[in-house]
Amino acid sequence: MYSVVGCTECSALWVIEGRPETSQCPRCGKRRQFDLLRKFAQTETADAARQARAAMLAERQDLGEAFDGLDSYAEMETRIDEDVIDDDTYLESKGVDSNEAADAGRRATEGAGGSTSREEIVRTALAELEDPDEDAVVEYAAEHGVPEDYTQRALQSLLRAGDVSENRGTYRLV
């Protein structure tokens, strides 16, 4: 069972599957018990619930007549493959050789092992270094392209979040 429910704080509408104990508004974050939420529609399928929500949103904006002329979600999804061009066709239409673009992407990631975020580098330093203090973590992160001020802020943030502990200047992942 799918329900279209609304938020009493910000009037947002969203779809809920089943009967969860509570639900949180995706717009304002207000959490409510499911039984206290106003249910505008209940359907057996997700597509029908999405369709009902879309119709309600269109009516709110006085676009109900325009919405009535559109196909349903299920019908539109069956046509996606027909109406969407693939990446190669798009690149070729812009004058880019798609094979060269793919080769450039492969060359950029070879040996690099992919992209690693700054926070992941700080966490890796904490995991790999033996008795890591702030200076050692900063040095490790700097060798991997992370600025010193970011590393210091990240350590403090990880401490506040409880992801890292600090004892006598030595850091440990929790």
C-alpha atoms as a PDB file:
ATOM      1  CA  MET A   1       0.000   0.000   0.000  1.00  0.00           C
ATOM      2  CA  TYR A   2       1.271   3.458  -0.925  1.00  0.00           C
ATOM      3  CA  SER A   3       0.052   6.689   0.648  1.00  0.00           C
ATOM      4  CA  VAL A   4       0.346  10.288  -0.508  1.00  0.00           C
ATOM      5  CA  VAL A   5       0.795  12.293   2.686  1.00  0.00           C
ATOM      6  CA  GLY A   6       1.264  15.953   3.513  1.00  0.00           C
ATOM      7  CA  CYS A   7       3.271  17.960   6.021  1.00  0.00           C
ATOM      8  CA  THR A   8       1.366  20.242   8.384  1.00  0.00           C
ATOM      9  CA  GLU A   9       4.383  22.549   8.712  1.00  0.00           C
ATOM     10  CA  CYS A  10       5.390  23.266   5.092  1.00  0.00           C
ATOM     11  CA  SER A  11       2.604  21.626   3.024  1.00  0.00           C
ATOM     12  CA  ALA A  12       4.999  19.323   1.171  1.00  0.00           C
ATOM     13  CA  LEU A  13       3.556  16.150  -0.356  1.00  0.00           C
ATOM     14  CA  TRP A  14       5.381  12.840  -0.567  1.00  0.00           C
ATOM     15  CA  VAL A  15       4.745   9.130  -1.075  1.00  0.00           C
ATOM     16  CA  ILE A  16       5.174   6.578   1.714  1.00  0.00           C
ATOM     17  CA  GLU A  17       5.272   2.830   1.193  1.00  0.00           C
ATOM     18  CA  GLY A  18       3.550   0.663   3.791  1.00  0.00           C
ATOM     19  CA  ARG A  19       2.761   1.902   7.287  1.00  0.00           C
ATOM     20  CA  PRO A  20       5.978   3.049   8.965  1.00  0.00           C
ATOM     21  CA  GLU A  21       5.778   4.102  12.594  1.00  0.00           C
ATOM     22  CA  THR A  22       7.023   7.611  11.748  1.00  0.00           C
ATOM     23  CA  SER A  23       7.889   9.580   8.645  1.00  0.00           C
ATOM     24  CA  GLN A  24      10.021  12.658   8.104  1.00  0.00           C
ATOM     25  CA  CYS A  25       9.111  15.475   5.727  1.00  0.00           C
ATOM     26  CA  PRO A  26      11.678  15.604   2.915  1.00  0.00           C
ATOM     27  CA  ARG A  27      11.417  19.402   2.736  1.00  0.00           C
ATOM     28  CA  CYS A  28      11.423  20.727   6.323  1.00  0.00           C
ATOM     29  CA  GLY A  29      12.546  17.624   8.225  1.00  0.00           C
ATOM     30  CA  LYS A  30       9.572  17.549  10.612  1.00  0.00           C
ATOM     31  CA  ARG A  31       9.014  14.013  11.913  1.00  0.00           C
ATOM     32  CA  ARG A  32       5.466  12.794  12.554  1.00  0.00           C
ATOM     33  CA  GLN A  33       3.768   9.570  13.487  1.00  0.00           C
ATOM     34  CA  PHE A  34       2.267   7.943  10.437  1.00  0.00           C
ATOM     35  CA  ASP A  35      -1.186   7.778  12.022  1.00  0.00           C
ATOM     36  CA  LEU A  36      -1.165  11.568  12.517  1.00  0.00           C
ATOM     37  CA  LEU A  37      -0.209  12.371   8.900  1.00  0.00           C
ATOM     38  CA  ARG A  38      -2.985  13.436   6.567  1.00  0.00           C
ATOM     39  CA  LYS A  39      -3.381  10.839   3.833  1.00  0.00           C
ATOM     40  CA  PHE A  40      -4.602  12.409   0.591  1.00  0.00           C
ATOM     41  CA  ALA A  41      -4.566   9.197  -1.438  1.00  0.00           C
ATOM     42  CA  GLN A  42      -3.877   5.505  -0.896  1.00  0.00           C
ATOM     43  CA  THR A  43      -3.018   3.222  -3.805  1.00  0.00           C
ATOM     44  CA  GLU A  44      -1.784  -0.289  -4.470  1.00  0.00           C
ATOM     45  CA  THR A  45       1.109   0.725  -6.760  1.00  0.00           C
ATOM     46  CA  ALA A  46       3.933   3.243  -6.534  1.00  0.00           C
ATOM     47  CA  ASP A  47       3.140   4.570 -10.025  1.00  0.00           C
ATOM     48  CA  ALA A  48      -0.439   5.337  -9.045  1.00  0.00           C
ATOM     49  CA  ALA A  49       0.714   7.124  -5.891  1.00  0.00           C
ATOM     50  CA  ARG A  50       3.260   9.192  -7.840  1.00  0.00           C
ATOM     51  CA  GLN A  51       0.554  10.026 -10.361  1.00  0.00           C
ATOM     52  CA  ALA A  52      -1.823  11.157  -7.591  1.00  0.00           C
ATOM     53  CA  ARG A  53       0.870  13.307  -5.971  1.00  0.00           C
ATOM     54  CA  ALA A  54       1.769  14.900  -9.320  1.00  0.00           C
ATOM     55  CA  ALA A  55      -1.901  15.667 -10.018  1.00  0.00           C
ATOM     56  CA  MET A  56      -2.255  17.309  -6.597  1.00  0.00           C
ATOM     57  CA  LEU A  57       0.857  19.432  -7.177  1.00  0.00           C
ATOM     58  CA  ALA A  58      -0.436  20.474 -10.601  1.00  0.00           C
ATOM     59  CA  GLU A  59      -3.795  21.490  -9.095  1.00  0.00           C
ATOM     60  CA  ARG A  60      -2.008  23.599  -6.465  1.00  0.00           C
ATOM     61  CA  GLN A  61      -0.415  25.593  -9.283  1.00  0.00           C
ATOM     62  CA  ASP A  62      -3.626  25.816 -11.320  1.00  0.00           C
ATOM     63  CA  LEU A  63      -2.110  23.543 -13.962  1.00  0.00           C
ATOM     64  CA  GLY A  64      -4.585  20.698 -13.592  1.00  0.00           C
ATOM     65  CA  GLU A  65      -5.828  20.922 -17.185  1.00  0.00           C
ATOM     66  CA  ALA A  66      -2.295  20.872 -18.576  1.00  0.00           C
ATOM     67  CA  PHE A  67      -1.444  17.902 -16.362  1.00  0.00           C
ATOM     68  CA  ASP A  68      -4.469  15.970 -17.572  1.00  0.00           C
ATOM     69  CA  GLY A  69      -3.012  16.088 -21.109  1.00  0.00           C
ATOM     70  CA  LEU A  70       0.199  14.308 -20.044  1.00  0.00           C
ATOM     71  CA  ASP A  71       0.802  10.571 -20.167  1.00  0.00           C
ATOM     72  CA  SER A  72       1.031   8.626 -16.903  1.00  0.00           C
ATOM     73  CA  TYR A  73       4.379   7.861 -15.253  1.00  0.00           C
ATOM     74  CA  ALA A  74       4.173   4.236 -16.368  1.00  0.00           C
ATOM     75  CA  GLU A  75       3.604   5.221 -20.009  1.00  0.00           C
ATOM     76  CA  MET A  76       6.420   7.779 -19.931  1.00  0.00           C
ATOM     77  CA  GLU A  77       8.863   5.245 -18.452  1.00  0.00           C
ATOM     78  CA  THR A  78       8.195   2.817 -21.302  1.00  0.00           C
ATOM     79  CA  ARG A  79       9.202   5.540 -23.781  1.00  0.00           C
ATOM     80  CA  ILE A  80      12.379   6.674 -22.016  1.00  0.00           C
ATOM     81  CA  ASP A  81      14.655   4.496 -24.132  1.00  0.00           C
ATOM     82  CA  GLU A  82      13.016   5.822 -27.290  1.00  0.00           C
ATOM     83  CA  ASP A  83      13.187   9.512 -26.367  1.00  0.00           C
ATOM     84  CA  VAL A  84      16.659   9.696 -24.799  1.00  0.00           C
ATOM     85  CA  ILE A  85      19.890   9.793 -26.783  1.00  0.00           C
ATOM     86  CA  ASP A  86      22.933   7.908 -25.533  1.00  0.00           C
ATOM     87  CA  ASP A  87      26.191   9.568 -24.456  1.00  0.00           C
ATOM     88  CA  ASP A  88      28.070   8.716 -27.653  1.00  0.00           C
ATOM     89  CA  THR A  89      25.387  10.259 -29.863  1.00  0.00           C
ATOM     90  CA  TYR A  90      25.300  13.403 -27.729  1.00  0.00           C
ATOM     91  CA  LEU A  91      29.089  13.829 -27.781  1.00  0.00           C
ATOM     92  CA  GLU A  92      29.231  13.264 -31.543  1.00  0.00           C
ATOM     93  CA  SER A  93      26.496  15.905 -32.065  1.00  0.00           C
ATOM     94  CA  LYS A  94      28.690  18.407 -30.183  1.00  0.00           C
ATOM     95  CA  GLY A  95      31.718  17.604 -32.335  1.00  0.00           C
ATOM     96  CA  VAL A  96      33.517  15.448 -29.759  1.00  0.00           C
ATOM     97  CA  ASP A  97      34.943  12.077 -30.730  1.00  0.00           C
ATOM     98  CA  SER A  98      33.326   9.747 -28.183  1.00  0.00           C
ATOM     99  CA  ASN A  99      36.126   7.163 -28.474  1.00  0.00           C
ATOM    100  CA  GLU A 100      38.765   9.784 -27.692  1.00  0.00           C
ATOM    101  CA  ALA A 101      36.700  11.032 -24.741  1.00  0.00           C
ATOM    102  CA  ALA A 102      36.444   7.493 -23.350  1.00  0.00           C
ATOM    103  CA  ASP A 103      40.201   6.971 -23.802  1.00  0.00           C
ATOM    104  CA  ALA A 104      40.922  10.260 -22.026  1.00  0.00           C
ATOM    105  CA  GLY A 105      38.725   9.194 -19.107  1.00  0.00           C
ATOM    106  CA  ARG A 106      40.557   5.884 -18.801  1.00  0.00           C
ATOM    107  CA  ARG A 107      43.971   7.583 -18.941  1.00  0.00           C
ATOM    108  CA  ALA A 108      42.931  10.038 -16.213  1.00  0.00           C
ATOM    109  CA  THR A 109      42.028   7.263 -13.789  1.00  0.00           C
ATOM    110  CA  GLU A 110      44.843   4.806 -14.614  1.00  0.00           C
ATOM    111  CA  GLY A 111      47.238   4.505 -11.724  1.00  0.00           C
ATOM    112  CA  ALA A 112      45.249   6.961  -9.654  1.00  0.00           C
ATOM    113  CA  GLY A 113      42.886   4.341  -8.309  1.00  0.00           C
ATOM    114  CA  GLY A 114      39.968   6.693  -8.754  1.00  0.00           C
ATOM    115  CA  SER A 115      39.039   9.785  -6.829  1.00  0.00           C
ATOM    116  CA  THR A 116      39.463  10.022  -3.077  1.00  0.00           C
ATOM    117  CA  SER A 117      37.876  12.757  -0.988  1.00  0.00           C
ATOM    118  CA  ARG A 118      39.869  14.874   1.424  1.00  0.00           C
ATOM    119  CA  GLU A 119      38.071  13.368   4.404  1.00  0.00           C
ATOM    120  CA  GLU A 120      38.837   9.856   3.147  1.00  0.00           C
ATOM    121  CA  ILE A 121      42.534  10.768   2.955  1.00  0.00           C
ATOM    122  CA  VAL A 122      42.475  12.015   6.576  1.00  0.00           C
ATOM    123  CA  ARG A 123      40.708   8.820   7.680  1.00  0.00           C
ATOM    124  CA  THR A 124      43.230   6.708   5.748  1.00  0.00           C
ATOM    125  CA  ALA A 125      46.060   8.525   7.509  1.00  0.00           C
ATOM    126  CA  LEU A 126      44.502   7.729  10.869  1.00  0.00           C
ATOM    127  CA  ALA A 127      44.096   4.071   9.897  1.00  0.00           C
ATOM    128  CA  GLU A 128      47.509   3.515   8.327  1.00  0.00           C
ATOM    129  CA  LEU A 129      49.859   5.561  10.513  1.00  0.00           C
ATOM    130  CA  GLU A 130      51.245   4.050  13.692  1.00  0.00           C
ATOM    131  CA  ASP A 131      50.380   6.282  16.691  1.00  0.00           C
ATOM    132  CA  PRO A 132      49.230   9.187  14.494  1.00  0.00           C
ATOM    133  CA  ASP A 133      49.521  12.618  16.047  1.00  0.00           C
ATOM    134  CA  GLU A 134      48.285  15.803  14.396  1.00  0.00           C
ATOM    135  CA  ASP A 135      51.627  16.539  12.709  1.00  0.00           C
ATOM    136  CA  ALA A 136      51.858  13.040  11.210  1.00  0.00           C
ATOM    137  CA  VAL A 137      48.287  13.194   9.904  1.00  0.00           C
ATOM    138  CA  VAL A 138      48.852  16.675   8.446  1.00  0.00           C
ATOM    139  CA  GLU A 139      52.079  15.474   6.769  1.00  0.00           C
ATOM    140  CA  TYR A 140      50.405  12.363   5.332  1.00  0.00           C
ATOM    141  CA  ALA A 141      47.443  14.369   4.056  1.00  0.00           C
ATOM    142  CA  ALA A 142      49.725  17.042   2.544  1.00  0.00           C
ATOM    143  CA  GLU A 143      51.571  14.316   0.599  1.00  0.00           C
ATOM    144  CA  HIS A 144      48.176  13.362  -0.852  1.00  0.00           C
ATOM    145  CA  GLY A 145      47.189  16.918  -1.790  1.00  0.00           C
ATOM    146  CA  VAL A 146      45.118  17.908   1.245  1.00  0.00           C
ATOM    147  CA  PRO A 147      45.809  21.397   2.682  1.00  0.00           C
ATOM    148  CA  GLU A 148      46.992  21.633   6.303  1.00  0.00           C
ATOM    149  CA  ASP A 149      44.103  23.840   7.474  1.00  0.00           C
ATOM    150  CA  TYR A 150      41.540  21.390   6.040  1.00  0.00           C
ATOM    151  CA  THR A 151      43.241  18.456   7.779  1.00  0.00           C
ATOM    152  CA  GLN A 152      43.181  20.255  11.142  1.00  0.00           C
ATOM    153  CA  ARG A 153      39.493  21.169  10.723  1.00  0.00           C
ATOM    154  CA  ALA A 154      38.670  17.604   9.653  1.00  0.00           C
ATOM    155  CA  LEU A 155      40.379  16.158  12.739  1.00  0.00           C
ATOM    156  CA  GLN A 156      38.379  18.470  15.013  1.00  0.00           C
ATOM    157  CA  SER A 157      35.159  17.659  13.163  1.00  0.00           C
ATOM    158  CA  LEU A 158      35.804  13.908  13.432  1.00  0.00           C
ATOM    159  CA  LEU A 159      36.497  14.334  17.152  1.00  0.00           C
ATOM    160  CA  ARG A 160      33.222  16.238  17.711  1.00  0.00           C
ATOM    161  CA  ALA A 161      31.281  13.653  15.705  1.00  0.00           C
ATOM    162  CA  GLY A 162      32.746  10.844  17.812  1.00  0.00           C
ATOM    163  CA  ASP A 163      34.366   9.143  14.809  1.00  0.00           C
ATOM    164  CA  VAL A 164      37.856   9.700  16.274  1.00  0.00           C
ATOM    165  CA  SER A 165      39.240   9.670  19.783  1.00  0.00           C
ATOM    166  CA  GLU A 166      42.286  11.585  20.986  1.00  0.00           C
ATOM    167  CA  ASN A 167      44.486  10.587  23.907  1.00  0.00           C
ATOM    168  CA  ARG A 168      47.659  12.505  24.760  1.00  0.00           C
ATOM    169  CA  GLY A 169      47.931  13.842  21.237  1.00  0.00           C
ATOM    170  CA  THR A 170      47.433  10.491  19.519  1.00  0.00           C
ATOM    171  CA  TYR A 171      44.366   9.953  17.351  1.00  0.00           C
ATOM    172  CA  ARG A 172      42.443   6.718  16.806  1.00  0.00           C
ATOM    173  CA  LEU A 173      39.479   5.905  14.586  1.00  0.00           C
ATOM    174  CA  VAL A 174      36.540   4.728  16.676  1.00  0.00           C
END
